[in-house]
Amino acid sequence: MLKDGEKGVLRQRGNKTYAIAPHVPCGMVTPELLRKIADAAEKHRVPDLKITSAARIAIIGIEEHQVDQIWQDLGMEPGHATGLCVRSIKVCPGTHYCRLAQQNSLDMGMKLDSIYHGMKLPSKMKMGVSGCKVQCAENCIKDISLYGTKDGWTIMVGGMGSARPRLADVFMEGLTSEQAEETILKLVTYYKENSKRERLGFMVEKIGLEALKKGVADQPV
């Protein structure tokens, strides 16, 4: 029996079948990618496909002997849906497509995805990037997130939608893209070096938001 995360699988109810979820950066897909997933699903008679909350397309209800075959046909990297790592970066359409967007969330999200997706951390982490205050990337329940305003980026920290949910706190406002990227790097580094295996929100509750701000400000890049 495969363990969660092994070969990119998630065990399903009853431990008889598995799900896999290819990595789809920021939920952006192409017709070619959709055809590839559809072809693999048809070839292996996959019972169901599920669009997940992390904007992935999960291939579910498969058996252990099918796992390697499907991955081979897909030729894609697994999404990090489990484990102590950055699991997902959820992103809205941003200034590319949305009339409300104030900042380019797609470009920012893709950059963060390339740096942080799958990064090993003391606990799981989810990120989000929204182009405006409407926060379609669900910033309020993300460990680290950004939303755009006419004055720049606002960073939020400490949100989570777990069994003990917590709304995120505003961390910094009015940042350029370069300042936002540097601040997130410092945040992740500080968290990695100082967390006691708790989610970032629990760390904020333990040490206080101001202490986190000071620690991040003093964190070398």
N, C-alpha and C. Protein backbone atom coordinates (compact mmCIF):
# COMPACT_ATOMS: atom_id res chain seq x y z
N MET A 1 0.84 -1.20 0.00
CA MET A 1 0.00 0.00 0.00
C MET A 1 0.88 1.25 0.00
N LEU A 2 0.59 2.17 -0.90
CA LEU A 2 1.33 3.41 -0.97
C LEU A 2 0.93 4.34 0.17
N LYS A 3 1.89 5.13 0.65
CA LYS A 3 1.62 6.13 1.67
C LYS A 3 1.26 7.46 1.00
N ASP A 4 0.55 8.31 1.74
CA ASP A 4 0.24 9.65 1.22
C ASP A 4 1.52 10.35 0.82
N GLY A 5 1.54 10.90 -0.36
CA GLY A 5 2.71 11.61 -0.86
C GLY A 5 3.64 10.73 -1.68
N GLU A 6 3.66 9.43 -1.42
CA GLU A 6 4.50 8.53 -2.19
C GLU A 6 3.98 8.45 -3.62
N LYS A 7 4.86 8.72 -4.59
CA LYS A 7 4.48 8.76 -6.01
C LYS A 7 3.35 9.76 -6.26
N GLY A 8 3.25 10.76 -5.38
CA GLY A 8 2.26 11.81 -5.57
C GLY A 8 0.83 11.40 -5.30
N VAL A 9 0.62 10.33 -4.51
CA VAL A 9 -0.74 9.84 -4.30
C VAL A 9 -1.35 10.35 -3.00
N LEU A 10 -2.67 10.33 -2.97
CA LEU A 10 -3.46 10.52 -1.75
C LEU A 10 -4.33 9.28 -1.59
N ARG A 11 -4.23 8.66 -0.41
CA ARG A 11 -5.10 7.51 -0.16
C ARG A 11 -6.54 7.97 0.00
N GLN A 12 -7.46 7.16 -0.48
CA GLN A 12 -8.87 7.52 -0.39
C GLN A 12 -9.59 6.66 0.64
N ARG A 13 -10.83 6.95 0.85
CA ARG A 13 -11.64 6.26 1.85
C ARG A 13 -11.58 4.74 1.65
N GLY A 14 -11.32 4.02 2.74
CA GLY A 14 -11.23 2.58 2.67
C GLY A 14 -9.84 2.07 2.30
N ASN A 15 -8.92 2.99 1.94
CA ASN A 15 -7.54 2.64 1.61
C ASN A 15 -7.43 1.64 0.46
N LYS A 16 -8.40 1.66 -0.45
CA LYS A 16 -8.37 0.73 -1.58
C LYS A 16 -8.04 1.43 -2.89
N THR A 17 -8.30 2.72 -2.96
CA THR A 17 -8.00 3.48 -4.17
C THR A 17 -7.23 4.74 -3.81
N TYR A 18 -6.71 5.38 -4.87
CA TYR A 18 -5.87 6.55 -4.68
C TYR A 18 -6.32 7.69 -5.59
N ALA A 19 -5.82 8.87 -5.26
CA ALA A 19 -5.98 10.04 -6.13
C ALA A 19 -4.60 10.61 -6.41
N ILE A 20 -4.42 11.14 -7.60
CA ILE A 20 -3.21 11.90 -7.92
C ILE A 20 -3.64 13.25 -8.48
N ALA A 21 -2.78 14.24 -8.28
CA ALA A 21 -3.12 15.60 -8.74
C ALA A 21 -1.88 16.24 -9.36
N PRO A 22 -1.80 16.28 -10.68
CA PRO A 22 -0.67 16.93 -11.33
C PRO A 22 -0.58 18.40 -10.93
N HIS A 23 0.65 18.90 -10.92
CA HIS A 23 0.83 20.31 -10.59
C HIS A 23 0.40 21.19 -11.75
N VAL A 24 -0.52 22.09 -11.47
CA VAL A 24 -1.00 23.06 -12.45
C VAL A 24 -0.72 24.45 -11.88
N PRO A 25 0.42 25.06 -12.18
CA PRO A 25 0.79 26.32 -11.54
C PRO A 25 -0.32 27.38 -11.62
N CYS A 26 -0.77 27.82 -10.46
CA CYS A 26 -1.78 28.87 -10.33
C CYS A 26 -3.09 28.54 -11.04
N GLY A 27 -3.33 27.26 -11.33
CA GLY A 27 -4.58 26.85 -11.95
C GLY A 27 -4.71 27.23 -13.41
N MET A 28 -3.62 27.65 -14.04
CA MET A 28 -3.65 28.04 -15.45
C MET A 28 -3.41 26.82 -16.33
N VAL A 29 -4.35 26.52 -17.19
CA VAL A 29 -4.26 25.33 -18.04
C VAL A 29 -4.33 25.72 -19.52
N THR A 30 -3.92 24.78 -20.35
CA THR A 30 -4.00 24.95 -21.80
C THR A 30 -4.87 23.84 -22.37
N PRO A 31 -5.40 24.01 -23.59
CA PRO A 31 -6.14 22.92 -24.22
C PRO A 31 -5.31 21.64 -24.31
N GLU A 32 -4.01 21.78 -24.58
CA GLU A 32 -3.13 20.61 -24.68
C GLU A 32 -3.08 19.86 -23.36
N LEU A 33 -2.93 20.61 -22.26
CA LEU A 33 -2.87 19.97 -20.94
C LEU A 33 -4.20 19.28 -20.61
N LEU A 34 -5.31 19.93 -20.91
CA LEU A 34 -6.61 19.32 -20.65
C LEU A 34 -6.80 18.04 -21.45
N ARG A 35 -6.36 18.06 -22.72
CA ARG A 35 -6.46 16.86 -23.54
C ARG A 35 -5.61 15.73 -22.98
N LYS A 36 -4.42 16.08 -22.50
CA LYS A 36 -3.52 15.08 -21.94
C LYS A 36 -4.16 14.39 -20.73
N ILE A 37 -4.77 15.18 -19.85
CA ILE A 37 -5.42 14.62 -18.66
C ILE A 37 -6.63 13.79 -19.08
N ALA A 38 -7.42 14.32 -20.03
CA ALA A 38 -8.61 13.60 -20.49
C ALA A 38 -8.23 12.28 -21.17
N ASP A 39 -7.18 12.31 -21.99
CA ASP A 39 -6.75 11.09 -22.68
C ASP A 39 -6.30 10.03 -21.68
N ALA A 40 -5.52 10.45 -20.66
CA ALA A 40 -5.05 9.50 -19.66
C ALA A 40 -6.23 8.93 -18.87
N ALA A 41 -7.19 9.79 -18.54
CA ALA A 41 -8.35 9.33 -17.78
C ALA A 41 -9.17 8.32 -18.58
N GLU A 42 -9.36 8.59 -19.87
CA GLU A 42 -10.11 7.66 -20.71
C GLU A 42 -9.35 6.34 -20.90
N LYS A 43 -8.06 6.43 -21.16
CA LYS A 43 -7.25 5.24 -21.40
C LYS A 43 -7.28 4.29 -20.21
N HIS A 44 -7.22 4.85 -19.00
CA HIS A 44 -7.14 4.03 -17.79
C HIS A 44 -8.50 3.89 -17.09
N ARG A 45 -9.55 4.34 -17.77
CA ARG A 45 -10.91 4.20 -17.26
C ARG A 45 -11.04 4.75 -15.84
N VAL A 46 -10.53 5.96 -15.68
CA VAL A 46 -10.60 6.63 -14.38
C VAL A 46 -12.05 6.94 -14.04
N PRO A 47 -12.50 6.60 -12.83
CA PRO A 47 -13.90 6.82 -12.47
C PRO A 47 -14.32 8.29 -12.49
N ASP A 48 -13.44 9.17 -11.96
CA ASP A 48 -13.84 10.58 -11.83
C ASP A 48 -12.63 11.50 -11.88
N LEU A 49 -12.88 12.73 -12.30
CA LEU A 49 -11.92 13.83 -12.20
C LEU A 49 -12.55 14.89 -11.31
N LYS A 50 -11.73 15.57 -10.48
CA LYS A 50 -12.26 16.55 -9.53
C LYS A 50 -11.40 17.81 -9.57
N ILE A 51 -12.01 18.95 -9.81
CA ILE A 51 -11.30 20.22 -9.68
C ILE A 51 -11.26 20.56 -8.20
N THR A 52 -10.05 20.70 -7.66
CA THR A 52 -9.87 20.85 -6.21
C THR A 52 -9.88 22.32 -5.80
N SER A 53 -9.91 22.54 -4.50
CA SER A 53 -9.88 23.90 -3.96
C SER A 53 -8.54 24.58 -4.22
N ALA A 54 -7.51 23.79 -4.52
CA ALA A 54 -6.20 24.35 -4.84
C ALA A 54 -6.02 24.54 -6.35
N ALA A 55 -7.13 24.49 -7.10
CA ALA A 55 -7.14 24.70 -8.55
C ALA A 55 -6.31 23.66 -9.28
N ARG A 56 -6.36 22.43 -8.79
CA ARG A 56 -5.77 21.30 -9.49
C ARG A 56 -6.88 20.44 -10.08
N ILE A 57 -6.51 19.56 -11.01
CA ILE A 57 -7.45 18.57 -11.53
C ILE A 57 -7.02 17.22 -10.99
N ALA A 58 -7.74 16.72 -9.99
CA ALA A 58 -7.39 15.46 -9.35
C ALA A 58 -7.97 14.30 -10.13
N ILE A 59 -7.17 13.27 -10.29
CA ILE A 59 -7.58 12.03 -10.95
C ILE A 59 -7.83 11.03 -9.83
N ILE A 60 -9.09 10.69 -9.61
CA ILE A 60 -9.44 9.96 -8.39
C ILE A 60 -10.03 8.59 -8.69
N GLY A 61 -9.98 7.74 -7.65
CA GLY A 61 -10.55 6.41 -7.76
C GLY A 61 -9.68 5.42 -8.52
N ILE A 62 -8.36 5.66 -8.56
CA ILE A 62 -7.48 4.76 -9.31
C ILE A 62 -6.84 3.73 -8.37
N GLU A 63 -6.39 2.63 -8.94
CA GLU A 63 -5.79 1.56 -8.17
C GLU A 63 -4.27 1.67 -8.21
N GLU A 64 -3.61 0.99 -7.27
CA GLU A 64 -2.17 1.14 -7.11
C GLU A 64 -1.41 0.82 -8.40
N HIS A 65 -1.81 -0.22 -9.09
CA HIS A 65 -1.07 -0.62 -10.29
C HIS A 65 -1.21 0.38 -11.43
N GLN A 66 -2.17 1.31 -11.32
CA GLN A 66 -2.37 2.31 -12.36
C GLN A 66 -1.52 3.56 -12.17
N VAL A 67 -1.02 3.76 -10.95
CA VAL A 67 -0.38 5.03 -10.60
C VAL A 67 0.78 5.35 -11.53
N ASP A 68 1.76 4.43 -11.63
CA ASP A 68 2.93 4.69 -12.46
C ASP A 68 2.55 4.87 -13.92
N GLN A 69 1.61 4.09 -14.40
CA GLN A 69 1.20 4.16 -15.80
C GLN A 69 0.59 5.52 -16.12
N ILE A 70 -0.26 6.01 -15.22
CA ILE A 70 -0.90 7.30 -15.47
C ILE A 70 0.11 8.43 -15.42
N TRP A 71 1.01 8.41 -14.44
CA TRP A 71 2.04 9.45 -14.38
C TRP A 71 2.89 9.43 -15.65
N GLN A 72 3.22 8.25 -16.13
CA GLN A 72 4.02 8.15 -17.35
C GLN A 72 3.28 8.76 -18.54
N ASP A 73 2.00 8.50 -18.65
CA ASP A 73 1.22 9.06 -19.75
C ASP A 73 1.07 10.57 -19.63
N LEU A 74 0.94 11.06 -18.40
CA LEU A 74 0.77 12.50 -18.20
C LEU A 74 2.07 13.26 -18.47
N GLY A 75 3.19 12.72 -18.01
CA GLY A 75 4.45 13.42 -18.15
C GLY A 75 4.47 14.74 -17.40
N MET A 76 3.80 14.77 -16.24
CA MET A 76 3.68 16.00 -15.45
C MET A 76 4.21 15.77 -14.04
N GLU A 77 4.58 16.86 -13.37
CA GLU A 77 5.03 16.77 -11.99
C GLU A 77 3.82 16.72 -11.05
N PRO A 78 3.93 15.99 -9.93
CA PRO A 78 2.82 15.97 -8.96
C PRO A 78 2.66 17.32 -8.27
N GLY A 79 1.43 17.65 -7.93
CA GLY A 79 1.18 18.79 -7.06
C GLY A 79 1.43 18.37 -5.62
N HIS A 80 1.97 19.24 -4.81
CA HIS A 80 2.27 18.90 -3.41
C HIS A 80 1.01 19.10 -2.56
N ALA A 81 0.12 18.12 -2.61
CA ALA A 81 -1.16 18.23 -1.91
C ALA A 81 -1.07 17.79 -0.46
N THR A 82 0.03 17.14 -0.08
CA THR A 82 0.22 16.69 1.29
C THR A 82 1.62 17.05 1.76
N GLY A 83 1.88 16.83 3.04
CA GLY A 83 3.22 17.01 3.57
C GLY A 83 3.47 18.38 4.16
N LEU A 84 4.61 18.50 4.83
CA LEU A 84 5.01 19.74 5.48
C LEU A 84 5.77 20.59 4.46
N CYS A 85 5.03 21.36 3.71
CA CYS A 85 5.61 22.12 2.61
C CYS A 85 4.62 23.18 2.15
N VAL A 86 5.05 24.01 1.21
CA VAL A 86 4.12 24.94 0.56
C VAL A 86 3.30 24.13 -0.43
N ARG A 87 2.01 23.98 -0.12
CA ARG A 87 1.17 23.07 -0.90
C ARG A 87 0.57 23.71 -2.14
N SER A 88 0.26 24.98 -2.06
CA SER A 88 -0.40 25.60 -3.22
C SER A 88 -0.26 27.11 -3.16
N ILE A 89 -0.32 27.71 -4.34
CA ILE A 89 -0.40 29.16 -4.48
C ILE A 89 -1.65 29.44 -5.31
N LYS A 90 -2.69 29.92 -4.66
CA LYS A 90 -3.97 30.17 -5.33
C LYS A 90 -3.98 31.62 -5.83
N VAL A 91 -4.44 31.81 -7.08
CA VAL A 91 -4.31 33.11 -7.73
C VAL A 91 -5.59 33.45 -8.49
N CYS A 92 -5.96 34.73 -8.47
CA CYS A 92 -7.10 35.20 -9.27
C CYS A 92 -6.60 35.65 -10.65
N PRO A 93 -7.49 35.99 -11.58
CA PRO A 93 -7.06 36.38 -12.93
C PRO A 93 -6.27 37.68 -13.01
N GLY A 94 -6.45 38.58 -12.02
CA GLY A 94 -5.64 39.79 -11.97
C GLY A 94 -5.85 40.74 -13.14
N THR A 95 -4.87 41.62 -13.34
CA THR A 95 -4.99 42.67 -14.36
C THR A 95 -4.98 42.12 -15.78
N HIS A 96 -4.59 40.87 -15.97
CA HIS A 96 -4.67 40.28 -17.31
C HIS A 96 -6.12 40.23 -17.80
N TYR A 97 -7.07 39.97 -16.87
CA TYR A 97 -8.43 39.68 -17.28
C TYR A 97 -9.53 40.36 -16.46
N CYS A 98 -9.27 40.74 -15.22
CA CYS A 98 -10.33 41.25 -14.35
C CYS A 98 -10.36 42.78 -14.31
N ARG A 99 -11.53 43.36 -14.49
CA ARG A 99 -11.66 44.82 -14.51
C ARG A 99 -11.45 45.44 -13.13
N LEU A 100 -11.56 44.64 -12.06
CA LEU A 100 -11.40 45.17 -10.70
C LEU A 100 -9.95 45.14 -10.21
N ALA A 101 -9.12 44.36 -10.88
CA ALA A 101 -7.76 44.14 -10.38
C ALA A 101 -6.93 45.42 -10.39
N GLN A 102 -6.13 45.56 -9.36
CA GLN A 102 -5.23 46.71 -9.23
C GLN A 102 -3.77 46.33 -9.45
N GLN A 103 -3.46 45.03 -9.28
CA GLN A 103 -2.09 44.56 -9.46
C GLN A 103 -2.09 43.24 -10.24
N ASN A 104 -0.94 42.91 -10.81
CA ASN A 104 -0.80 41.75 -11.67
C ASN A 104 -0.61 40.48 -10.84
N SER A 105 -1.71 39.91 -10.40
CA SER A 105 -1.64 38.74 -9.51
C SER A 105 -1.15 37.49 -10.23
N LEU A 106 -1.46 37.34 -11.51
CA LEU A 106 -1.01 36.15 -12.23
C LEU A 106 0.51 36.08 -12.32
N ASP A 107 1.14 37.18 -12.71
CA ASP A 107 2.60 37.17 -12.80
C ASP A 107 3.23 36.96 -11.43
N MET A 108 2.69 37.63 -10.41
CA MET A 108 3.21 37.46 -9.06
C MET A 108 3.02 36.02 -8.58
N GLY A 109 1.83 35.47 -8.82
CA GLY A 109 1.55 34.11 -8.39
C GLY A 109 2.46 33.10 -9.06
N MET A 110 2.68 33.25 -10.37
CA MET A 110 3.56 32.34 -11.09
C MET A 110 4.99 32.41 -10.54
N LYS A 111 5.44 33.61 -10.21
CA LYS A 111 6.78 33.76 -9.66
C LYS A 111 6.89 33.07 -8.31
N LEU A 112 5.88 33.27 -7.45
CA LEU A 112 5.89 32.63 -6.14
C LEU A 112 5.81 31.12 -6.28
N ASP A 113 5.01 30.64 -7.23
CA ASP A 113 4.88 29.20 -7.45
C ASP A 113 6.22 28.60 -7.83
N SER A 114 6.94 29.27 -8.70
CA SER A 114 8.23 28.74 -9.17
C SER A 114 9.25 28.67 -8.04
N ILE A 115 9.11 29.55 -7.05
CA ILE A 115 10.07 29.58 -5.94
C ILE A 115 9.65 28.67 -4.80
N TYR A 116 8.36 28.70 -4.44
CA TYR A 116 7.95 28.11 -3.16
C TYR A 116 7.17 26.81 -3.25
N HIS A 117 6.53 26.51 -4.36
CA HIS A 117 5.70 25.30 -4.40
C HIS A 117 6.53 24.07 -4.08
N GLY A 118 6.10 23.33 -3.04
CA GLY A 118 6.80 22.13 -2.61
C GLY A 118 7.93 22.37 -1.65
N MET A 119 8.26 23.63 -1.34
CA MET A 119 9.35 23.91 -0.40
C MET A 119 9.05 23.29 0.96
N LYS A 120 10.02 22.55 1.51
CA LYS A 120 9.85 21.91 2.81
C LYS A 120 9.88 22.95 3.93
N LEU A 121 8.91 22.84 4.85
CA LEU A 121 8.78 23.79 5.96
C LEU A 121 8.41 23.03 7.24
N PRO A 122 8.44 23.72 8.39
CA PRO A 122 8.08 23.04 9.65
C PRO A 122 6.64 22.54 9.68
N SER A 123 5.74 23.17 8.93
CA SER A 123 4.35 22.73 8.85
C SER A 123 3.84 23.07 7.44
N LYS A 124 2.62 22.68 7.16
CA LYS A 124 2.09 22.98 5.83
C LYS A 124 1.84 24.48 5.69
N MET A 125 1.87 24.95 4.46
CA MET A 125 1.65 26.37 4.18
C MET A 125 0.90 26.51 2.86
N LYS A 126 -0.05 27.44 2.84
CA LYS A 126 -0.77 27.77 1.62
C LYS A 126 -0.63 29.27 1.37
N MET A 127 -0.49 29.63 0.10
CA MET A 127 -0.35 31.02 -0.27
C MET A 127 -1.47 31.44 -1.22
N GLY A 128 -1.70 32.73 -1.31
CA GLY A 128 -2.71 33.25 -2.22
C GLY A 128 -2.31 34.61 -2.73
N VAL A 129 -2.70 34.92 -3.97
CA VAL A 129 -2.44 36.25 -4.54
C VAL A 129 -3.71 36.74 -5.22
N SER A 130 -4.22 37.87 -4.77
CA SER A 130 -5.42 38.48 -5.35
C SER A 130 -5.07 39.85 -5.92
N GLY A 131 -5.70 40.19 -7.03
CA GLY A 131 -5.41 41.46 -7.68
C GLY A 131 -6.05 42.67 -7.02
N CYS A 132 -7.04 42.43 -6.12
CA CYS A 132 -7.71 43.55 -5.46
C CYS A 132 -8.23 43.13 -4.09
N LYS A 133 -8.90 44.04 -3.41
CA LYS A 133 -9.39 43.80 -2.05
C LYS A 133 -10.51 42.77 -1.98
N VAL A 134 -11.10 42.42 -3.11
CA VAL A 134 -12.16 41.40 -3.09
C VAL A 134 -11.58 40.05 -2.67
N GLN A 135 -10.31 39.85 -2.93
CA GLN A 135 -9.57 38.68 -2.45
C GLN A 135 -10.17 37.34 -2.91
N CYS A 136 -10.30 37.19 -4.19
CA CYS A 136 -10.85 35.94 -4.74
C CYS A 136 -9.93 34.74 -4.50
N ALA A 137 -8.68 34.99 -4.15
CA ALA A 137 -7.76 33.89 -3.83
C ALA A 137 -7.87 33.48 -2.36
N GLU A 138 -8.93 33.95 -1.68
CA GLU A 138 -9.21 33.56 -0.29
C GLU A 138 -8.05 33.90 0.64
N ASN A 139 -7.56 35.12 0.52
CA ASN A 139 -6.43 35.57 1.34
C ASN A 139 -6.66 35.38 2.83
N CYS A 140 -7.91 35.54 3.27
CA CYS A 140 -8.18 35.52 4.71
C CYS A 140 -7.89 34.18 5.36
N ILE A 141 -7.79 33.09 4.56
CA ILE A 141 -7.48 31.78 5.14
C ILE A 141 -6.20 31.18 4.55
N LYS A 142 -5.29 32.05 4.13
CA LYS A 142 -3.99 31.60 3.63
C LYS A 142 -2.90 31.98 4.63
N ASP A 143 -1.89 31.13 4.74
CA ASP A 143 -0.78 31.40 5.66
C ASP A 143 -0.05 32.69 5.28
N ILE A 144 0.22 32.84 3.99
CA ILE A 144 0.82 34.07 3.47
C ILE A 144 0.08 34.44 2.19
N SER A 145 -0.29 35.70 2.08
CA SER A 145 -1.02 36.10 0.87
C SER A 145 -0.77 37.58 0.56
N LEU A 146 -1.12 37.95 -0.66
CA LEU A 146 -1.03 39.33 -1.09
C LEU A 146 -2.32 39.72 -1.79
N TYR A 147 -2.70 40.98 -1.67
CA TYR A 147 -3.75 41.52 -2.53
C TYR A 147 -3.32 42.90 -3.01
N GLY A 148 -3.80 43.27 -4.18
CA GLY A 148 -3.38 44.51 -4.81
C GLY A 148 -4.29 45.69 -4.51
N THR A 149 -3.70 46.86 -4.39
CA THR A 149 -4.42 48.13 -4.31
C THR A 149 -3.73 49.08 -5.29
N LYS A 150 -4.30 50.27 -5.46
CA LYS A 150 -3.67 51.24 -6.36
C LYS A 150 -2.31 51.70 -5.83
N ASP A 151 -2.10 51.49 -4.51
CA ASP A 151 -0.83 51.90 -3.89
C ASP A 151 0.20 50.79 -3.85
N GLY A 152 -0.16 49.59 -4.33
CA GLY A 152 0.79 48.49 -4.31
C GLY A 152 0.21 47.23 -3.69
N TRP A 153 1.08 46.42 -3.11
CA TRP A 153 0.66 45.14 -2.54
C TRP A 153 0.48 45.22 -1.03
N THR A 154 -0.54 44.55 -0.53
CA THR A 154 -0.72 44.34 0.90
C THR A 154 -0.44 42.86 1.19
N ILE A 155 0.39 42.61 2.18
CA ILE A 155 0.70 41.24 2.60
C ILE A 155 -0.12 40.90 3.84
N MET A 156 -0.70 39.72 3.85
CA MET A 156 -1.44 39.21 5.01
C MET A 156 -0.79 37.91 5.48
N VAL A 157 -0.87 37.64 6.77
CA VAL A 157 -0.23 36.44 7.32
C VAL A 157 -1.15 35.75 8.33
N GLY A 158 -0.95 34.44 8.47
CA GLY A 158 -1.55 33.71 9.57
C GLY A 158 -2.95 33.18 9.37
N GLY A 159 -3.48 33.23 8.17
CA GLY A 159 -4.80 32.69 7.94
C GLY A 159 -4.77 31.18 7.74
N MET A 160 -5.85 30.52 8.09
CA MET A 160 -5.96 29.07 7.83
C MET A 160 -7.41 28.64 7.98
N GLY A 161 -7.79 27.67 7.17
CA GLY A 161 -9.16 27.17 7.21
C GLY A 161 -9.23 25.77 7.76
N SER A 162 -8.44 25.47 8.76
CA SER A 162 -8.33 24.12 9.32
C SER A 162 -9.46 23.87 10.32
N ALA A 163 -9.31 22.79 11.09
CA ALA A 163 -10.29 22.47 12.12
C ALA A 163 -10.35 23.56 13.18
N ARG A 164 -9.27 24.34 13.28
CA ARG A 164 -9.26 25.52 14.15
C ARG A 164 -8.96 26.73 13.28
N PRO A 165 -9.98 27.25 12.58
CA PRO A 165 -9.74 28.30 11.59
C PRO A 165 -9.28 29.61 12.21
N ARG A 166 -8.58 30.39 11.39
CA ARG A 166 -8.07 31.68 11.85
C ARG A 166 -8.03 32.64 10.66
N LEU A 167 -8.50 33.87 10.87
CA LEU A 167 -8.44 34.88 9.82
C LEU A 167 -7.06 35.54 9.81
N ALA A 168 -6.57 35.84 8.63
CA ALA A 168 -5.24 36.42 8.47
C ALA A 168 -5.18 37.85 8.97
N ASP A 169 -3.98 38.26 9.38
CA ASP A 169 -3.71 39.63 9.81
C ASP A 169 -3.00 40.39 8.71
N VAL A 170 -3.27 41.69 8.59
CA VAL A 170 -2.51 42.53 7.67
C VAL A 170 -1.10 42.71 8.23
N PHE A 171 -0.13 42.44 7.39
CA PHE A 171 1.28 42.46 7.81
C PHE A 171 2.00 43.72 7.34
N MET A 172 1.89 44.02 6.04
CA MET A 172 2.50 45.23 5.48
C MET A 172 1.64 45.70 4.32
N GLU A 173 1.70 47.00 4.04
CA GLU A 173 0.88 47.59 2.97
C GLU A 173 1.71 48.48 2.07
N GLY A 174 1.18 48.73 0.86
CA GLY A 174 1.79 49.68 -0.06
C GLY A 174 3.14 49.28 -0.59
N LEU A 175 3.36 47.99 -0.84
CA LEU A 175 4.66 47.50 -1.29
C LEU A 175 4.72 47.41 -2.81
N THR A 176 5.89 47.68 -3.36
CA THR A 176 6.14 47.38 -4.77
C THR A 176 6.25 45.86 -4.92
N SER A 177 6.24 45.39 -6.15
CA SER A 177 6.39 43.94 -6.36
C SER A 177 7.72 43.44 -5.81
N GLU A 178 8.78 44.20 -6.03
CA GLU A 178 10.09 43.80 -5.53
C GLU A 178 10.11 43.75 -4.01
N GLN A 179 9.50 44.76 -3.36
CA GLN A 179 9.45 44.77 -1.90
C GLN A 179 8.60 43.61 -1.37
N ALA A 180 7.50 43.31 -2.06
CA ALA A 180 6.64 42.20 -1.64
C ALA A 180 7.37 40.87 -1.74
N GLU A 181 8.09 40.66 -2.84
CA GLU A 181 8.84 39.42 -3.01
C GLU A 181 9.92 39.27 -1.94
N GLU A 182 10.61 40.36 -1.64
CA GLU A 182 11.66 40.31 -0.61
C GLU A 182 11.06 40.04 0.77
N THR A 183 9.92 40.67 1.06
CA THR A 183 9.28 40.47 2.36
C THR A 183 8.81 39.03 2.52
N ILE A 184 8.25 38.45 1.48
CA ILE A 184 7.81 37.06 1.56
C ILE A 184 8.99 36.13 1.76
N LEU A 185 10.10 36.40 1.07
CA LEU A 185 11.31 35.60 1.28
C LEU A 185 11.76 35.67 2.74
N LYS A 186 11.75 36.87 3.32
CA LYS A 186 12.14 37.02 4.72
C LYS A 186 11.15 36.31 5.65
N LEU A 187 9.86 36.43 5.32
CA LEU A 187 8.82 35.78 6.12
C LEU A 187 9.01 34.27 6.15
N VAL A 188 9.17 33.69 4.97
CA VAL A 188 9.32 32.23 4.88
C VAL A 188 10.60 31.79 5.58
N THR A 189 11.68 32.54 5.40
CA THR A 189 12.95 32.18 6.04
C THR A 189 12.84 32.27 7.56
N TYR A 190 12.22 33.35 8.05
CA TYR A 190 12.05 33.51 9.50
C TYR A 190 11.19 32.38 10.06
N TYR A 191 10.11 32.08 9.36
CA TYR A 191 9.23 30.99 9.80
C TYR A 191 9.97 29.67 9.83
N LYS A 192 10.72 29.40 8.79
CA LYS A 192 11.45 28.14 8.69
C LYS A 192 12.46 28.00 9.84
N GLU A 193 13.08 29.09 10.21
CA GLU A 193 14.13 29.04 11.23
C GLU A 193 13.61 29.10 12.67
N ASN A 194 12.37 29.58 12.85
CA ASN A 194 11.89 29.83 14.22
C ASN A 194 10.61 29.10 14.61
N SER A 195 9.92 28.49 13.66
CA SER A 195 8.68 27.79 13.99
C SER A 195 8.95 26.50 14.74
N LYS A 196 8.07 26.17 15.66
CA LYS A 196 8.14 24.91 16.40
C LYS A 196 7.15 23.91 15.81
N ARG A 197 7.19 23.78 14.50
CA ARG A 197 6.34 22.84 13.76
C ARG A 197 4.86 23.22 13.81
N GLU A 198 4.57 24.51 14.06
CA GLU A 198 3.19 24.95 14.04
C GLU A 198 2.93 25.78 12.79
N ARG A 199 1.64 25.86 12.37
CA ARG A 199 1.26 26.73 11.26
C ARG A 199 1.64 28.17 11.60
N LEU A 200 1.81 28.98 10.58
CA LEU A 200 2.22 30.37 10.78
C LEU A 200 1.21 31.12 11.66
N GLY A 201 -0.08 30.83 11.49
CA GLY A 201 -1.08 31.50 12.32
C GLY A 201 -0.91 31.22 13.80
N PHE A 202 -0.57 29.99 14.15
CA PHE A 202 -0.34 29.65 15.55
C PHE A 202 0.93 30.32 16.07
N MET A 203 1.91 30.48 15.18
CA MET A 203 3.13 31.20 15.56
C MET A 203 2.81 32.66 15.86
N VAL A 204 1.96 33.28 15.03
CA VAL A 204 1.55 34.66 15.27
C VAL A 204 0.85 34.78 16.62
N GLU A 205 -0.03 33.83 16.93
CA GLU A 205 -0.74 33.85 18.21
C GLU A 205 0.21 33.70 19.38
N LYS A 206 1.28 32.93 19.19
CA LYS A 206 2.21 32.67 20.27
C LYS A 206 3.15 33.84 20.53
N ILE A 207 3.72 34.41 19.47
CA ILE A 207 4.73 35.46 19.69
C ILE A 207 4.17 36.86 19.48
N GLY A 208 3.02 36.98 18.81
CA GLY A 208 2.43 38.28 18.54
C GLY A 208 2.84 38.82 17.18
N LEU A 209 1.94 39.58 16.56
CA LEU A 209 2.17 40.09 15.21
C LEU A 209 3.35 41.06 15.18
N GLU A 210 3.46 41.92 16.20
CA GLU A 210 4.55 42.90 16.22
C GLU A 210 5.91 42.22 16.33
N ALA A 211 5.98 41.15 17.13
CA ALA A 211 7.23 40.41 17.24
C ALA A 211 7.61 39.77 15.91
N LEU A 212 6.59 39.26 15.20
CA LEU A 212 6.86 38.68 13.88
C LEU A 212 7.37 39.76 12.93
N LYS A 213 6.75 40.94 12.96
CA LYS A 213 7.20 42.03 12.10
C LYS A 213 8.65 42.39 12.38
N LYS A 214 9.01 42.47 13.64
CA LYS A 214 10.39 42.81 13.99
C LYS A 214 11.36 41.72 13.56
N GLY A 215 10.95 40.46 13.80
CA GLY A 215 11.82 39.36 13.41
C GLY A 215 12.06 39.32 11.92
N VAL A 216 11.02 39.58 11.15
CA VAL A 216 11.15 39.58 9.69
C VAL A 216 11.97 40.78 9.23
N ALA A 217 11.77 41.93 9.85
CA ALA A 217 12.54 43.12 9.48
C ALA A 217 14.04 42.91 9.72
N ASP A 218 14.36 42.16 10.76
CA ASP A 218 15.77 41.91 11.11
C ASP A 218 16.35 40.71 10.35
N GLN A 219 15.52 39.99 9.63
CA GLN A 219 15.95 38.79 8.93
C GLN A 219 16.79 39.17 7.70
N PRO A 220 18.04 38.68 7.63
CA PRO A 220 18.81 38.98 6.41
C PRO A 220 18.24 38.25 5.20
N VAL A 221 18.38 38.85 4.05
CA VAL A 221 17.88 38.23 2.81
C VAL A 221 18.86 37.13 2.37
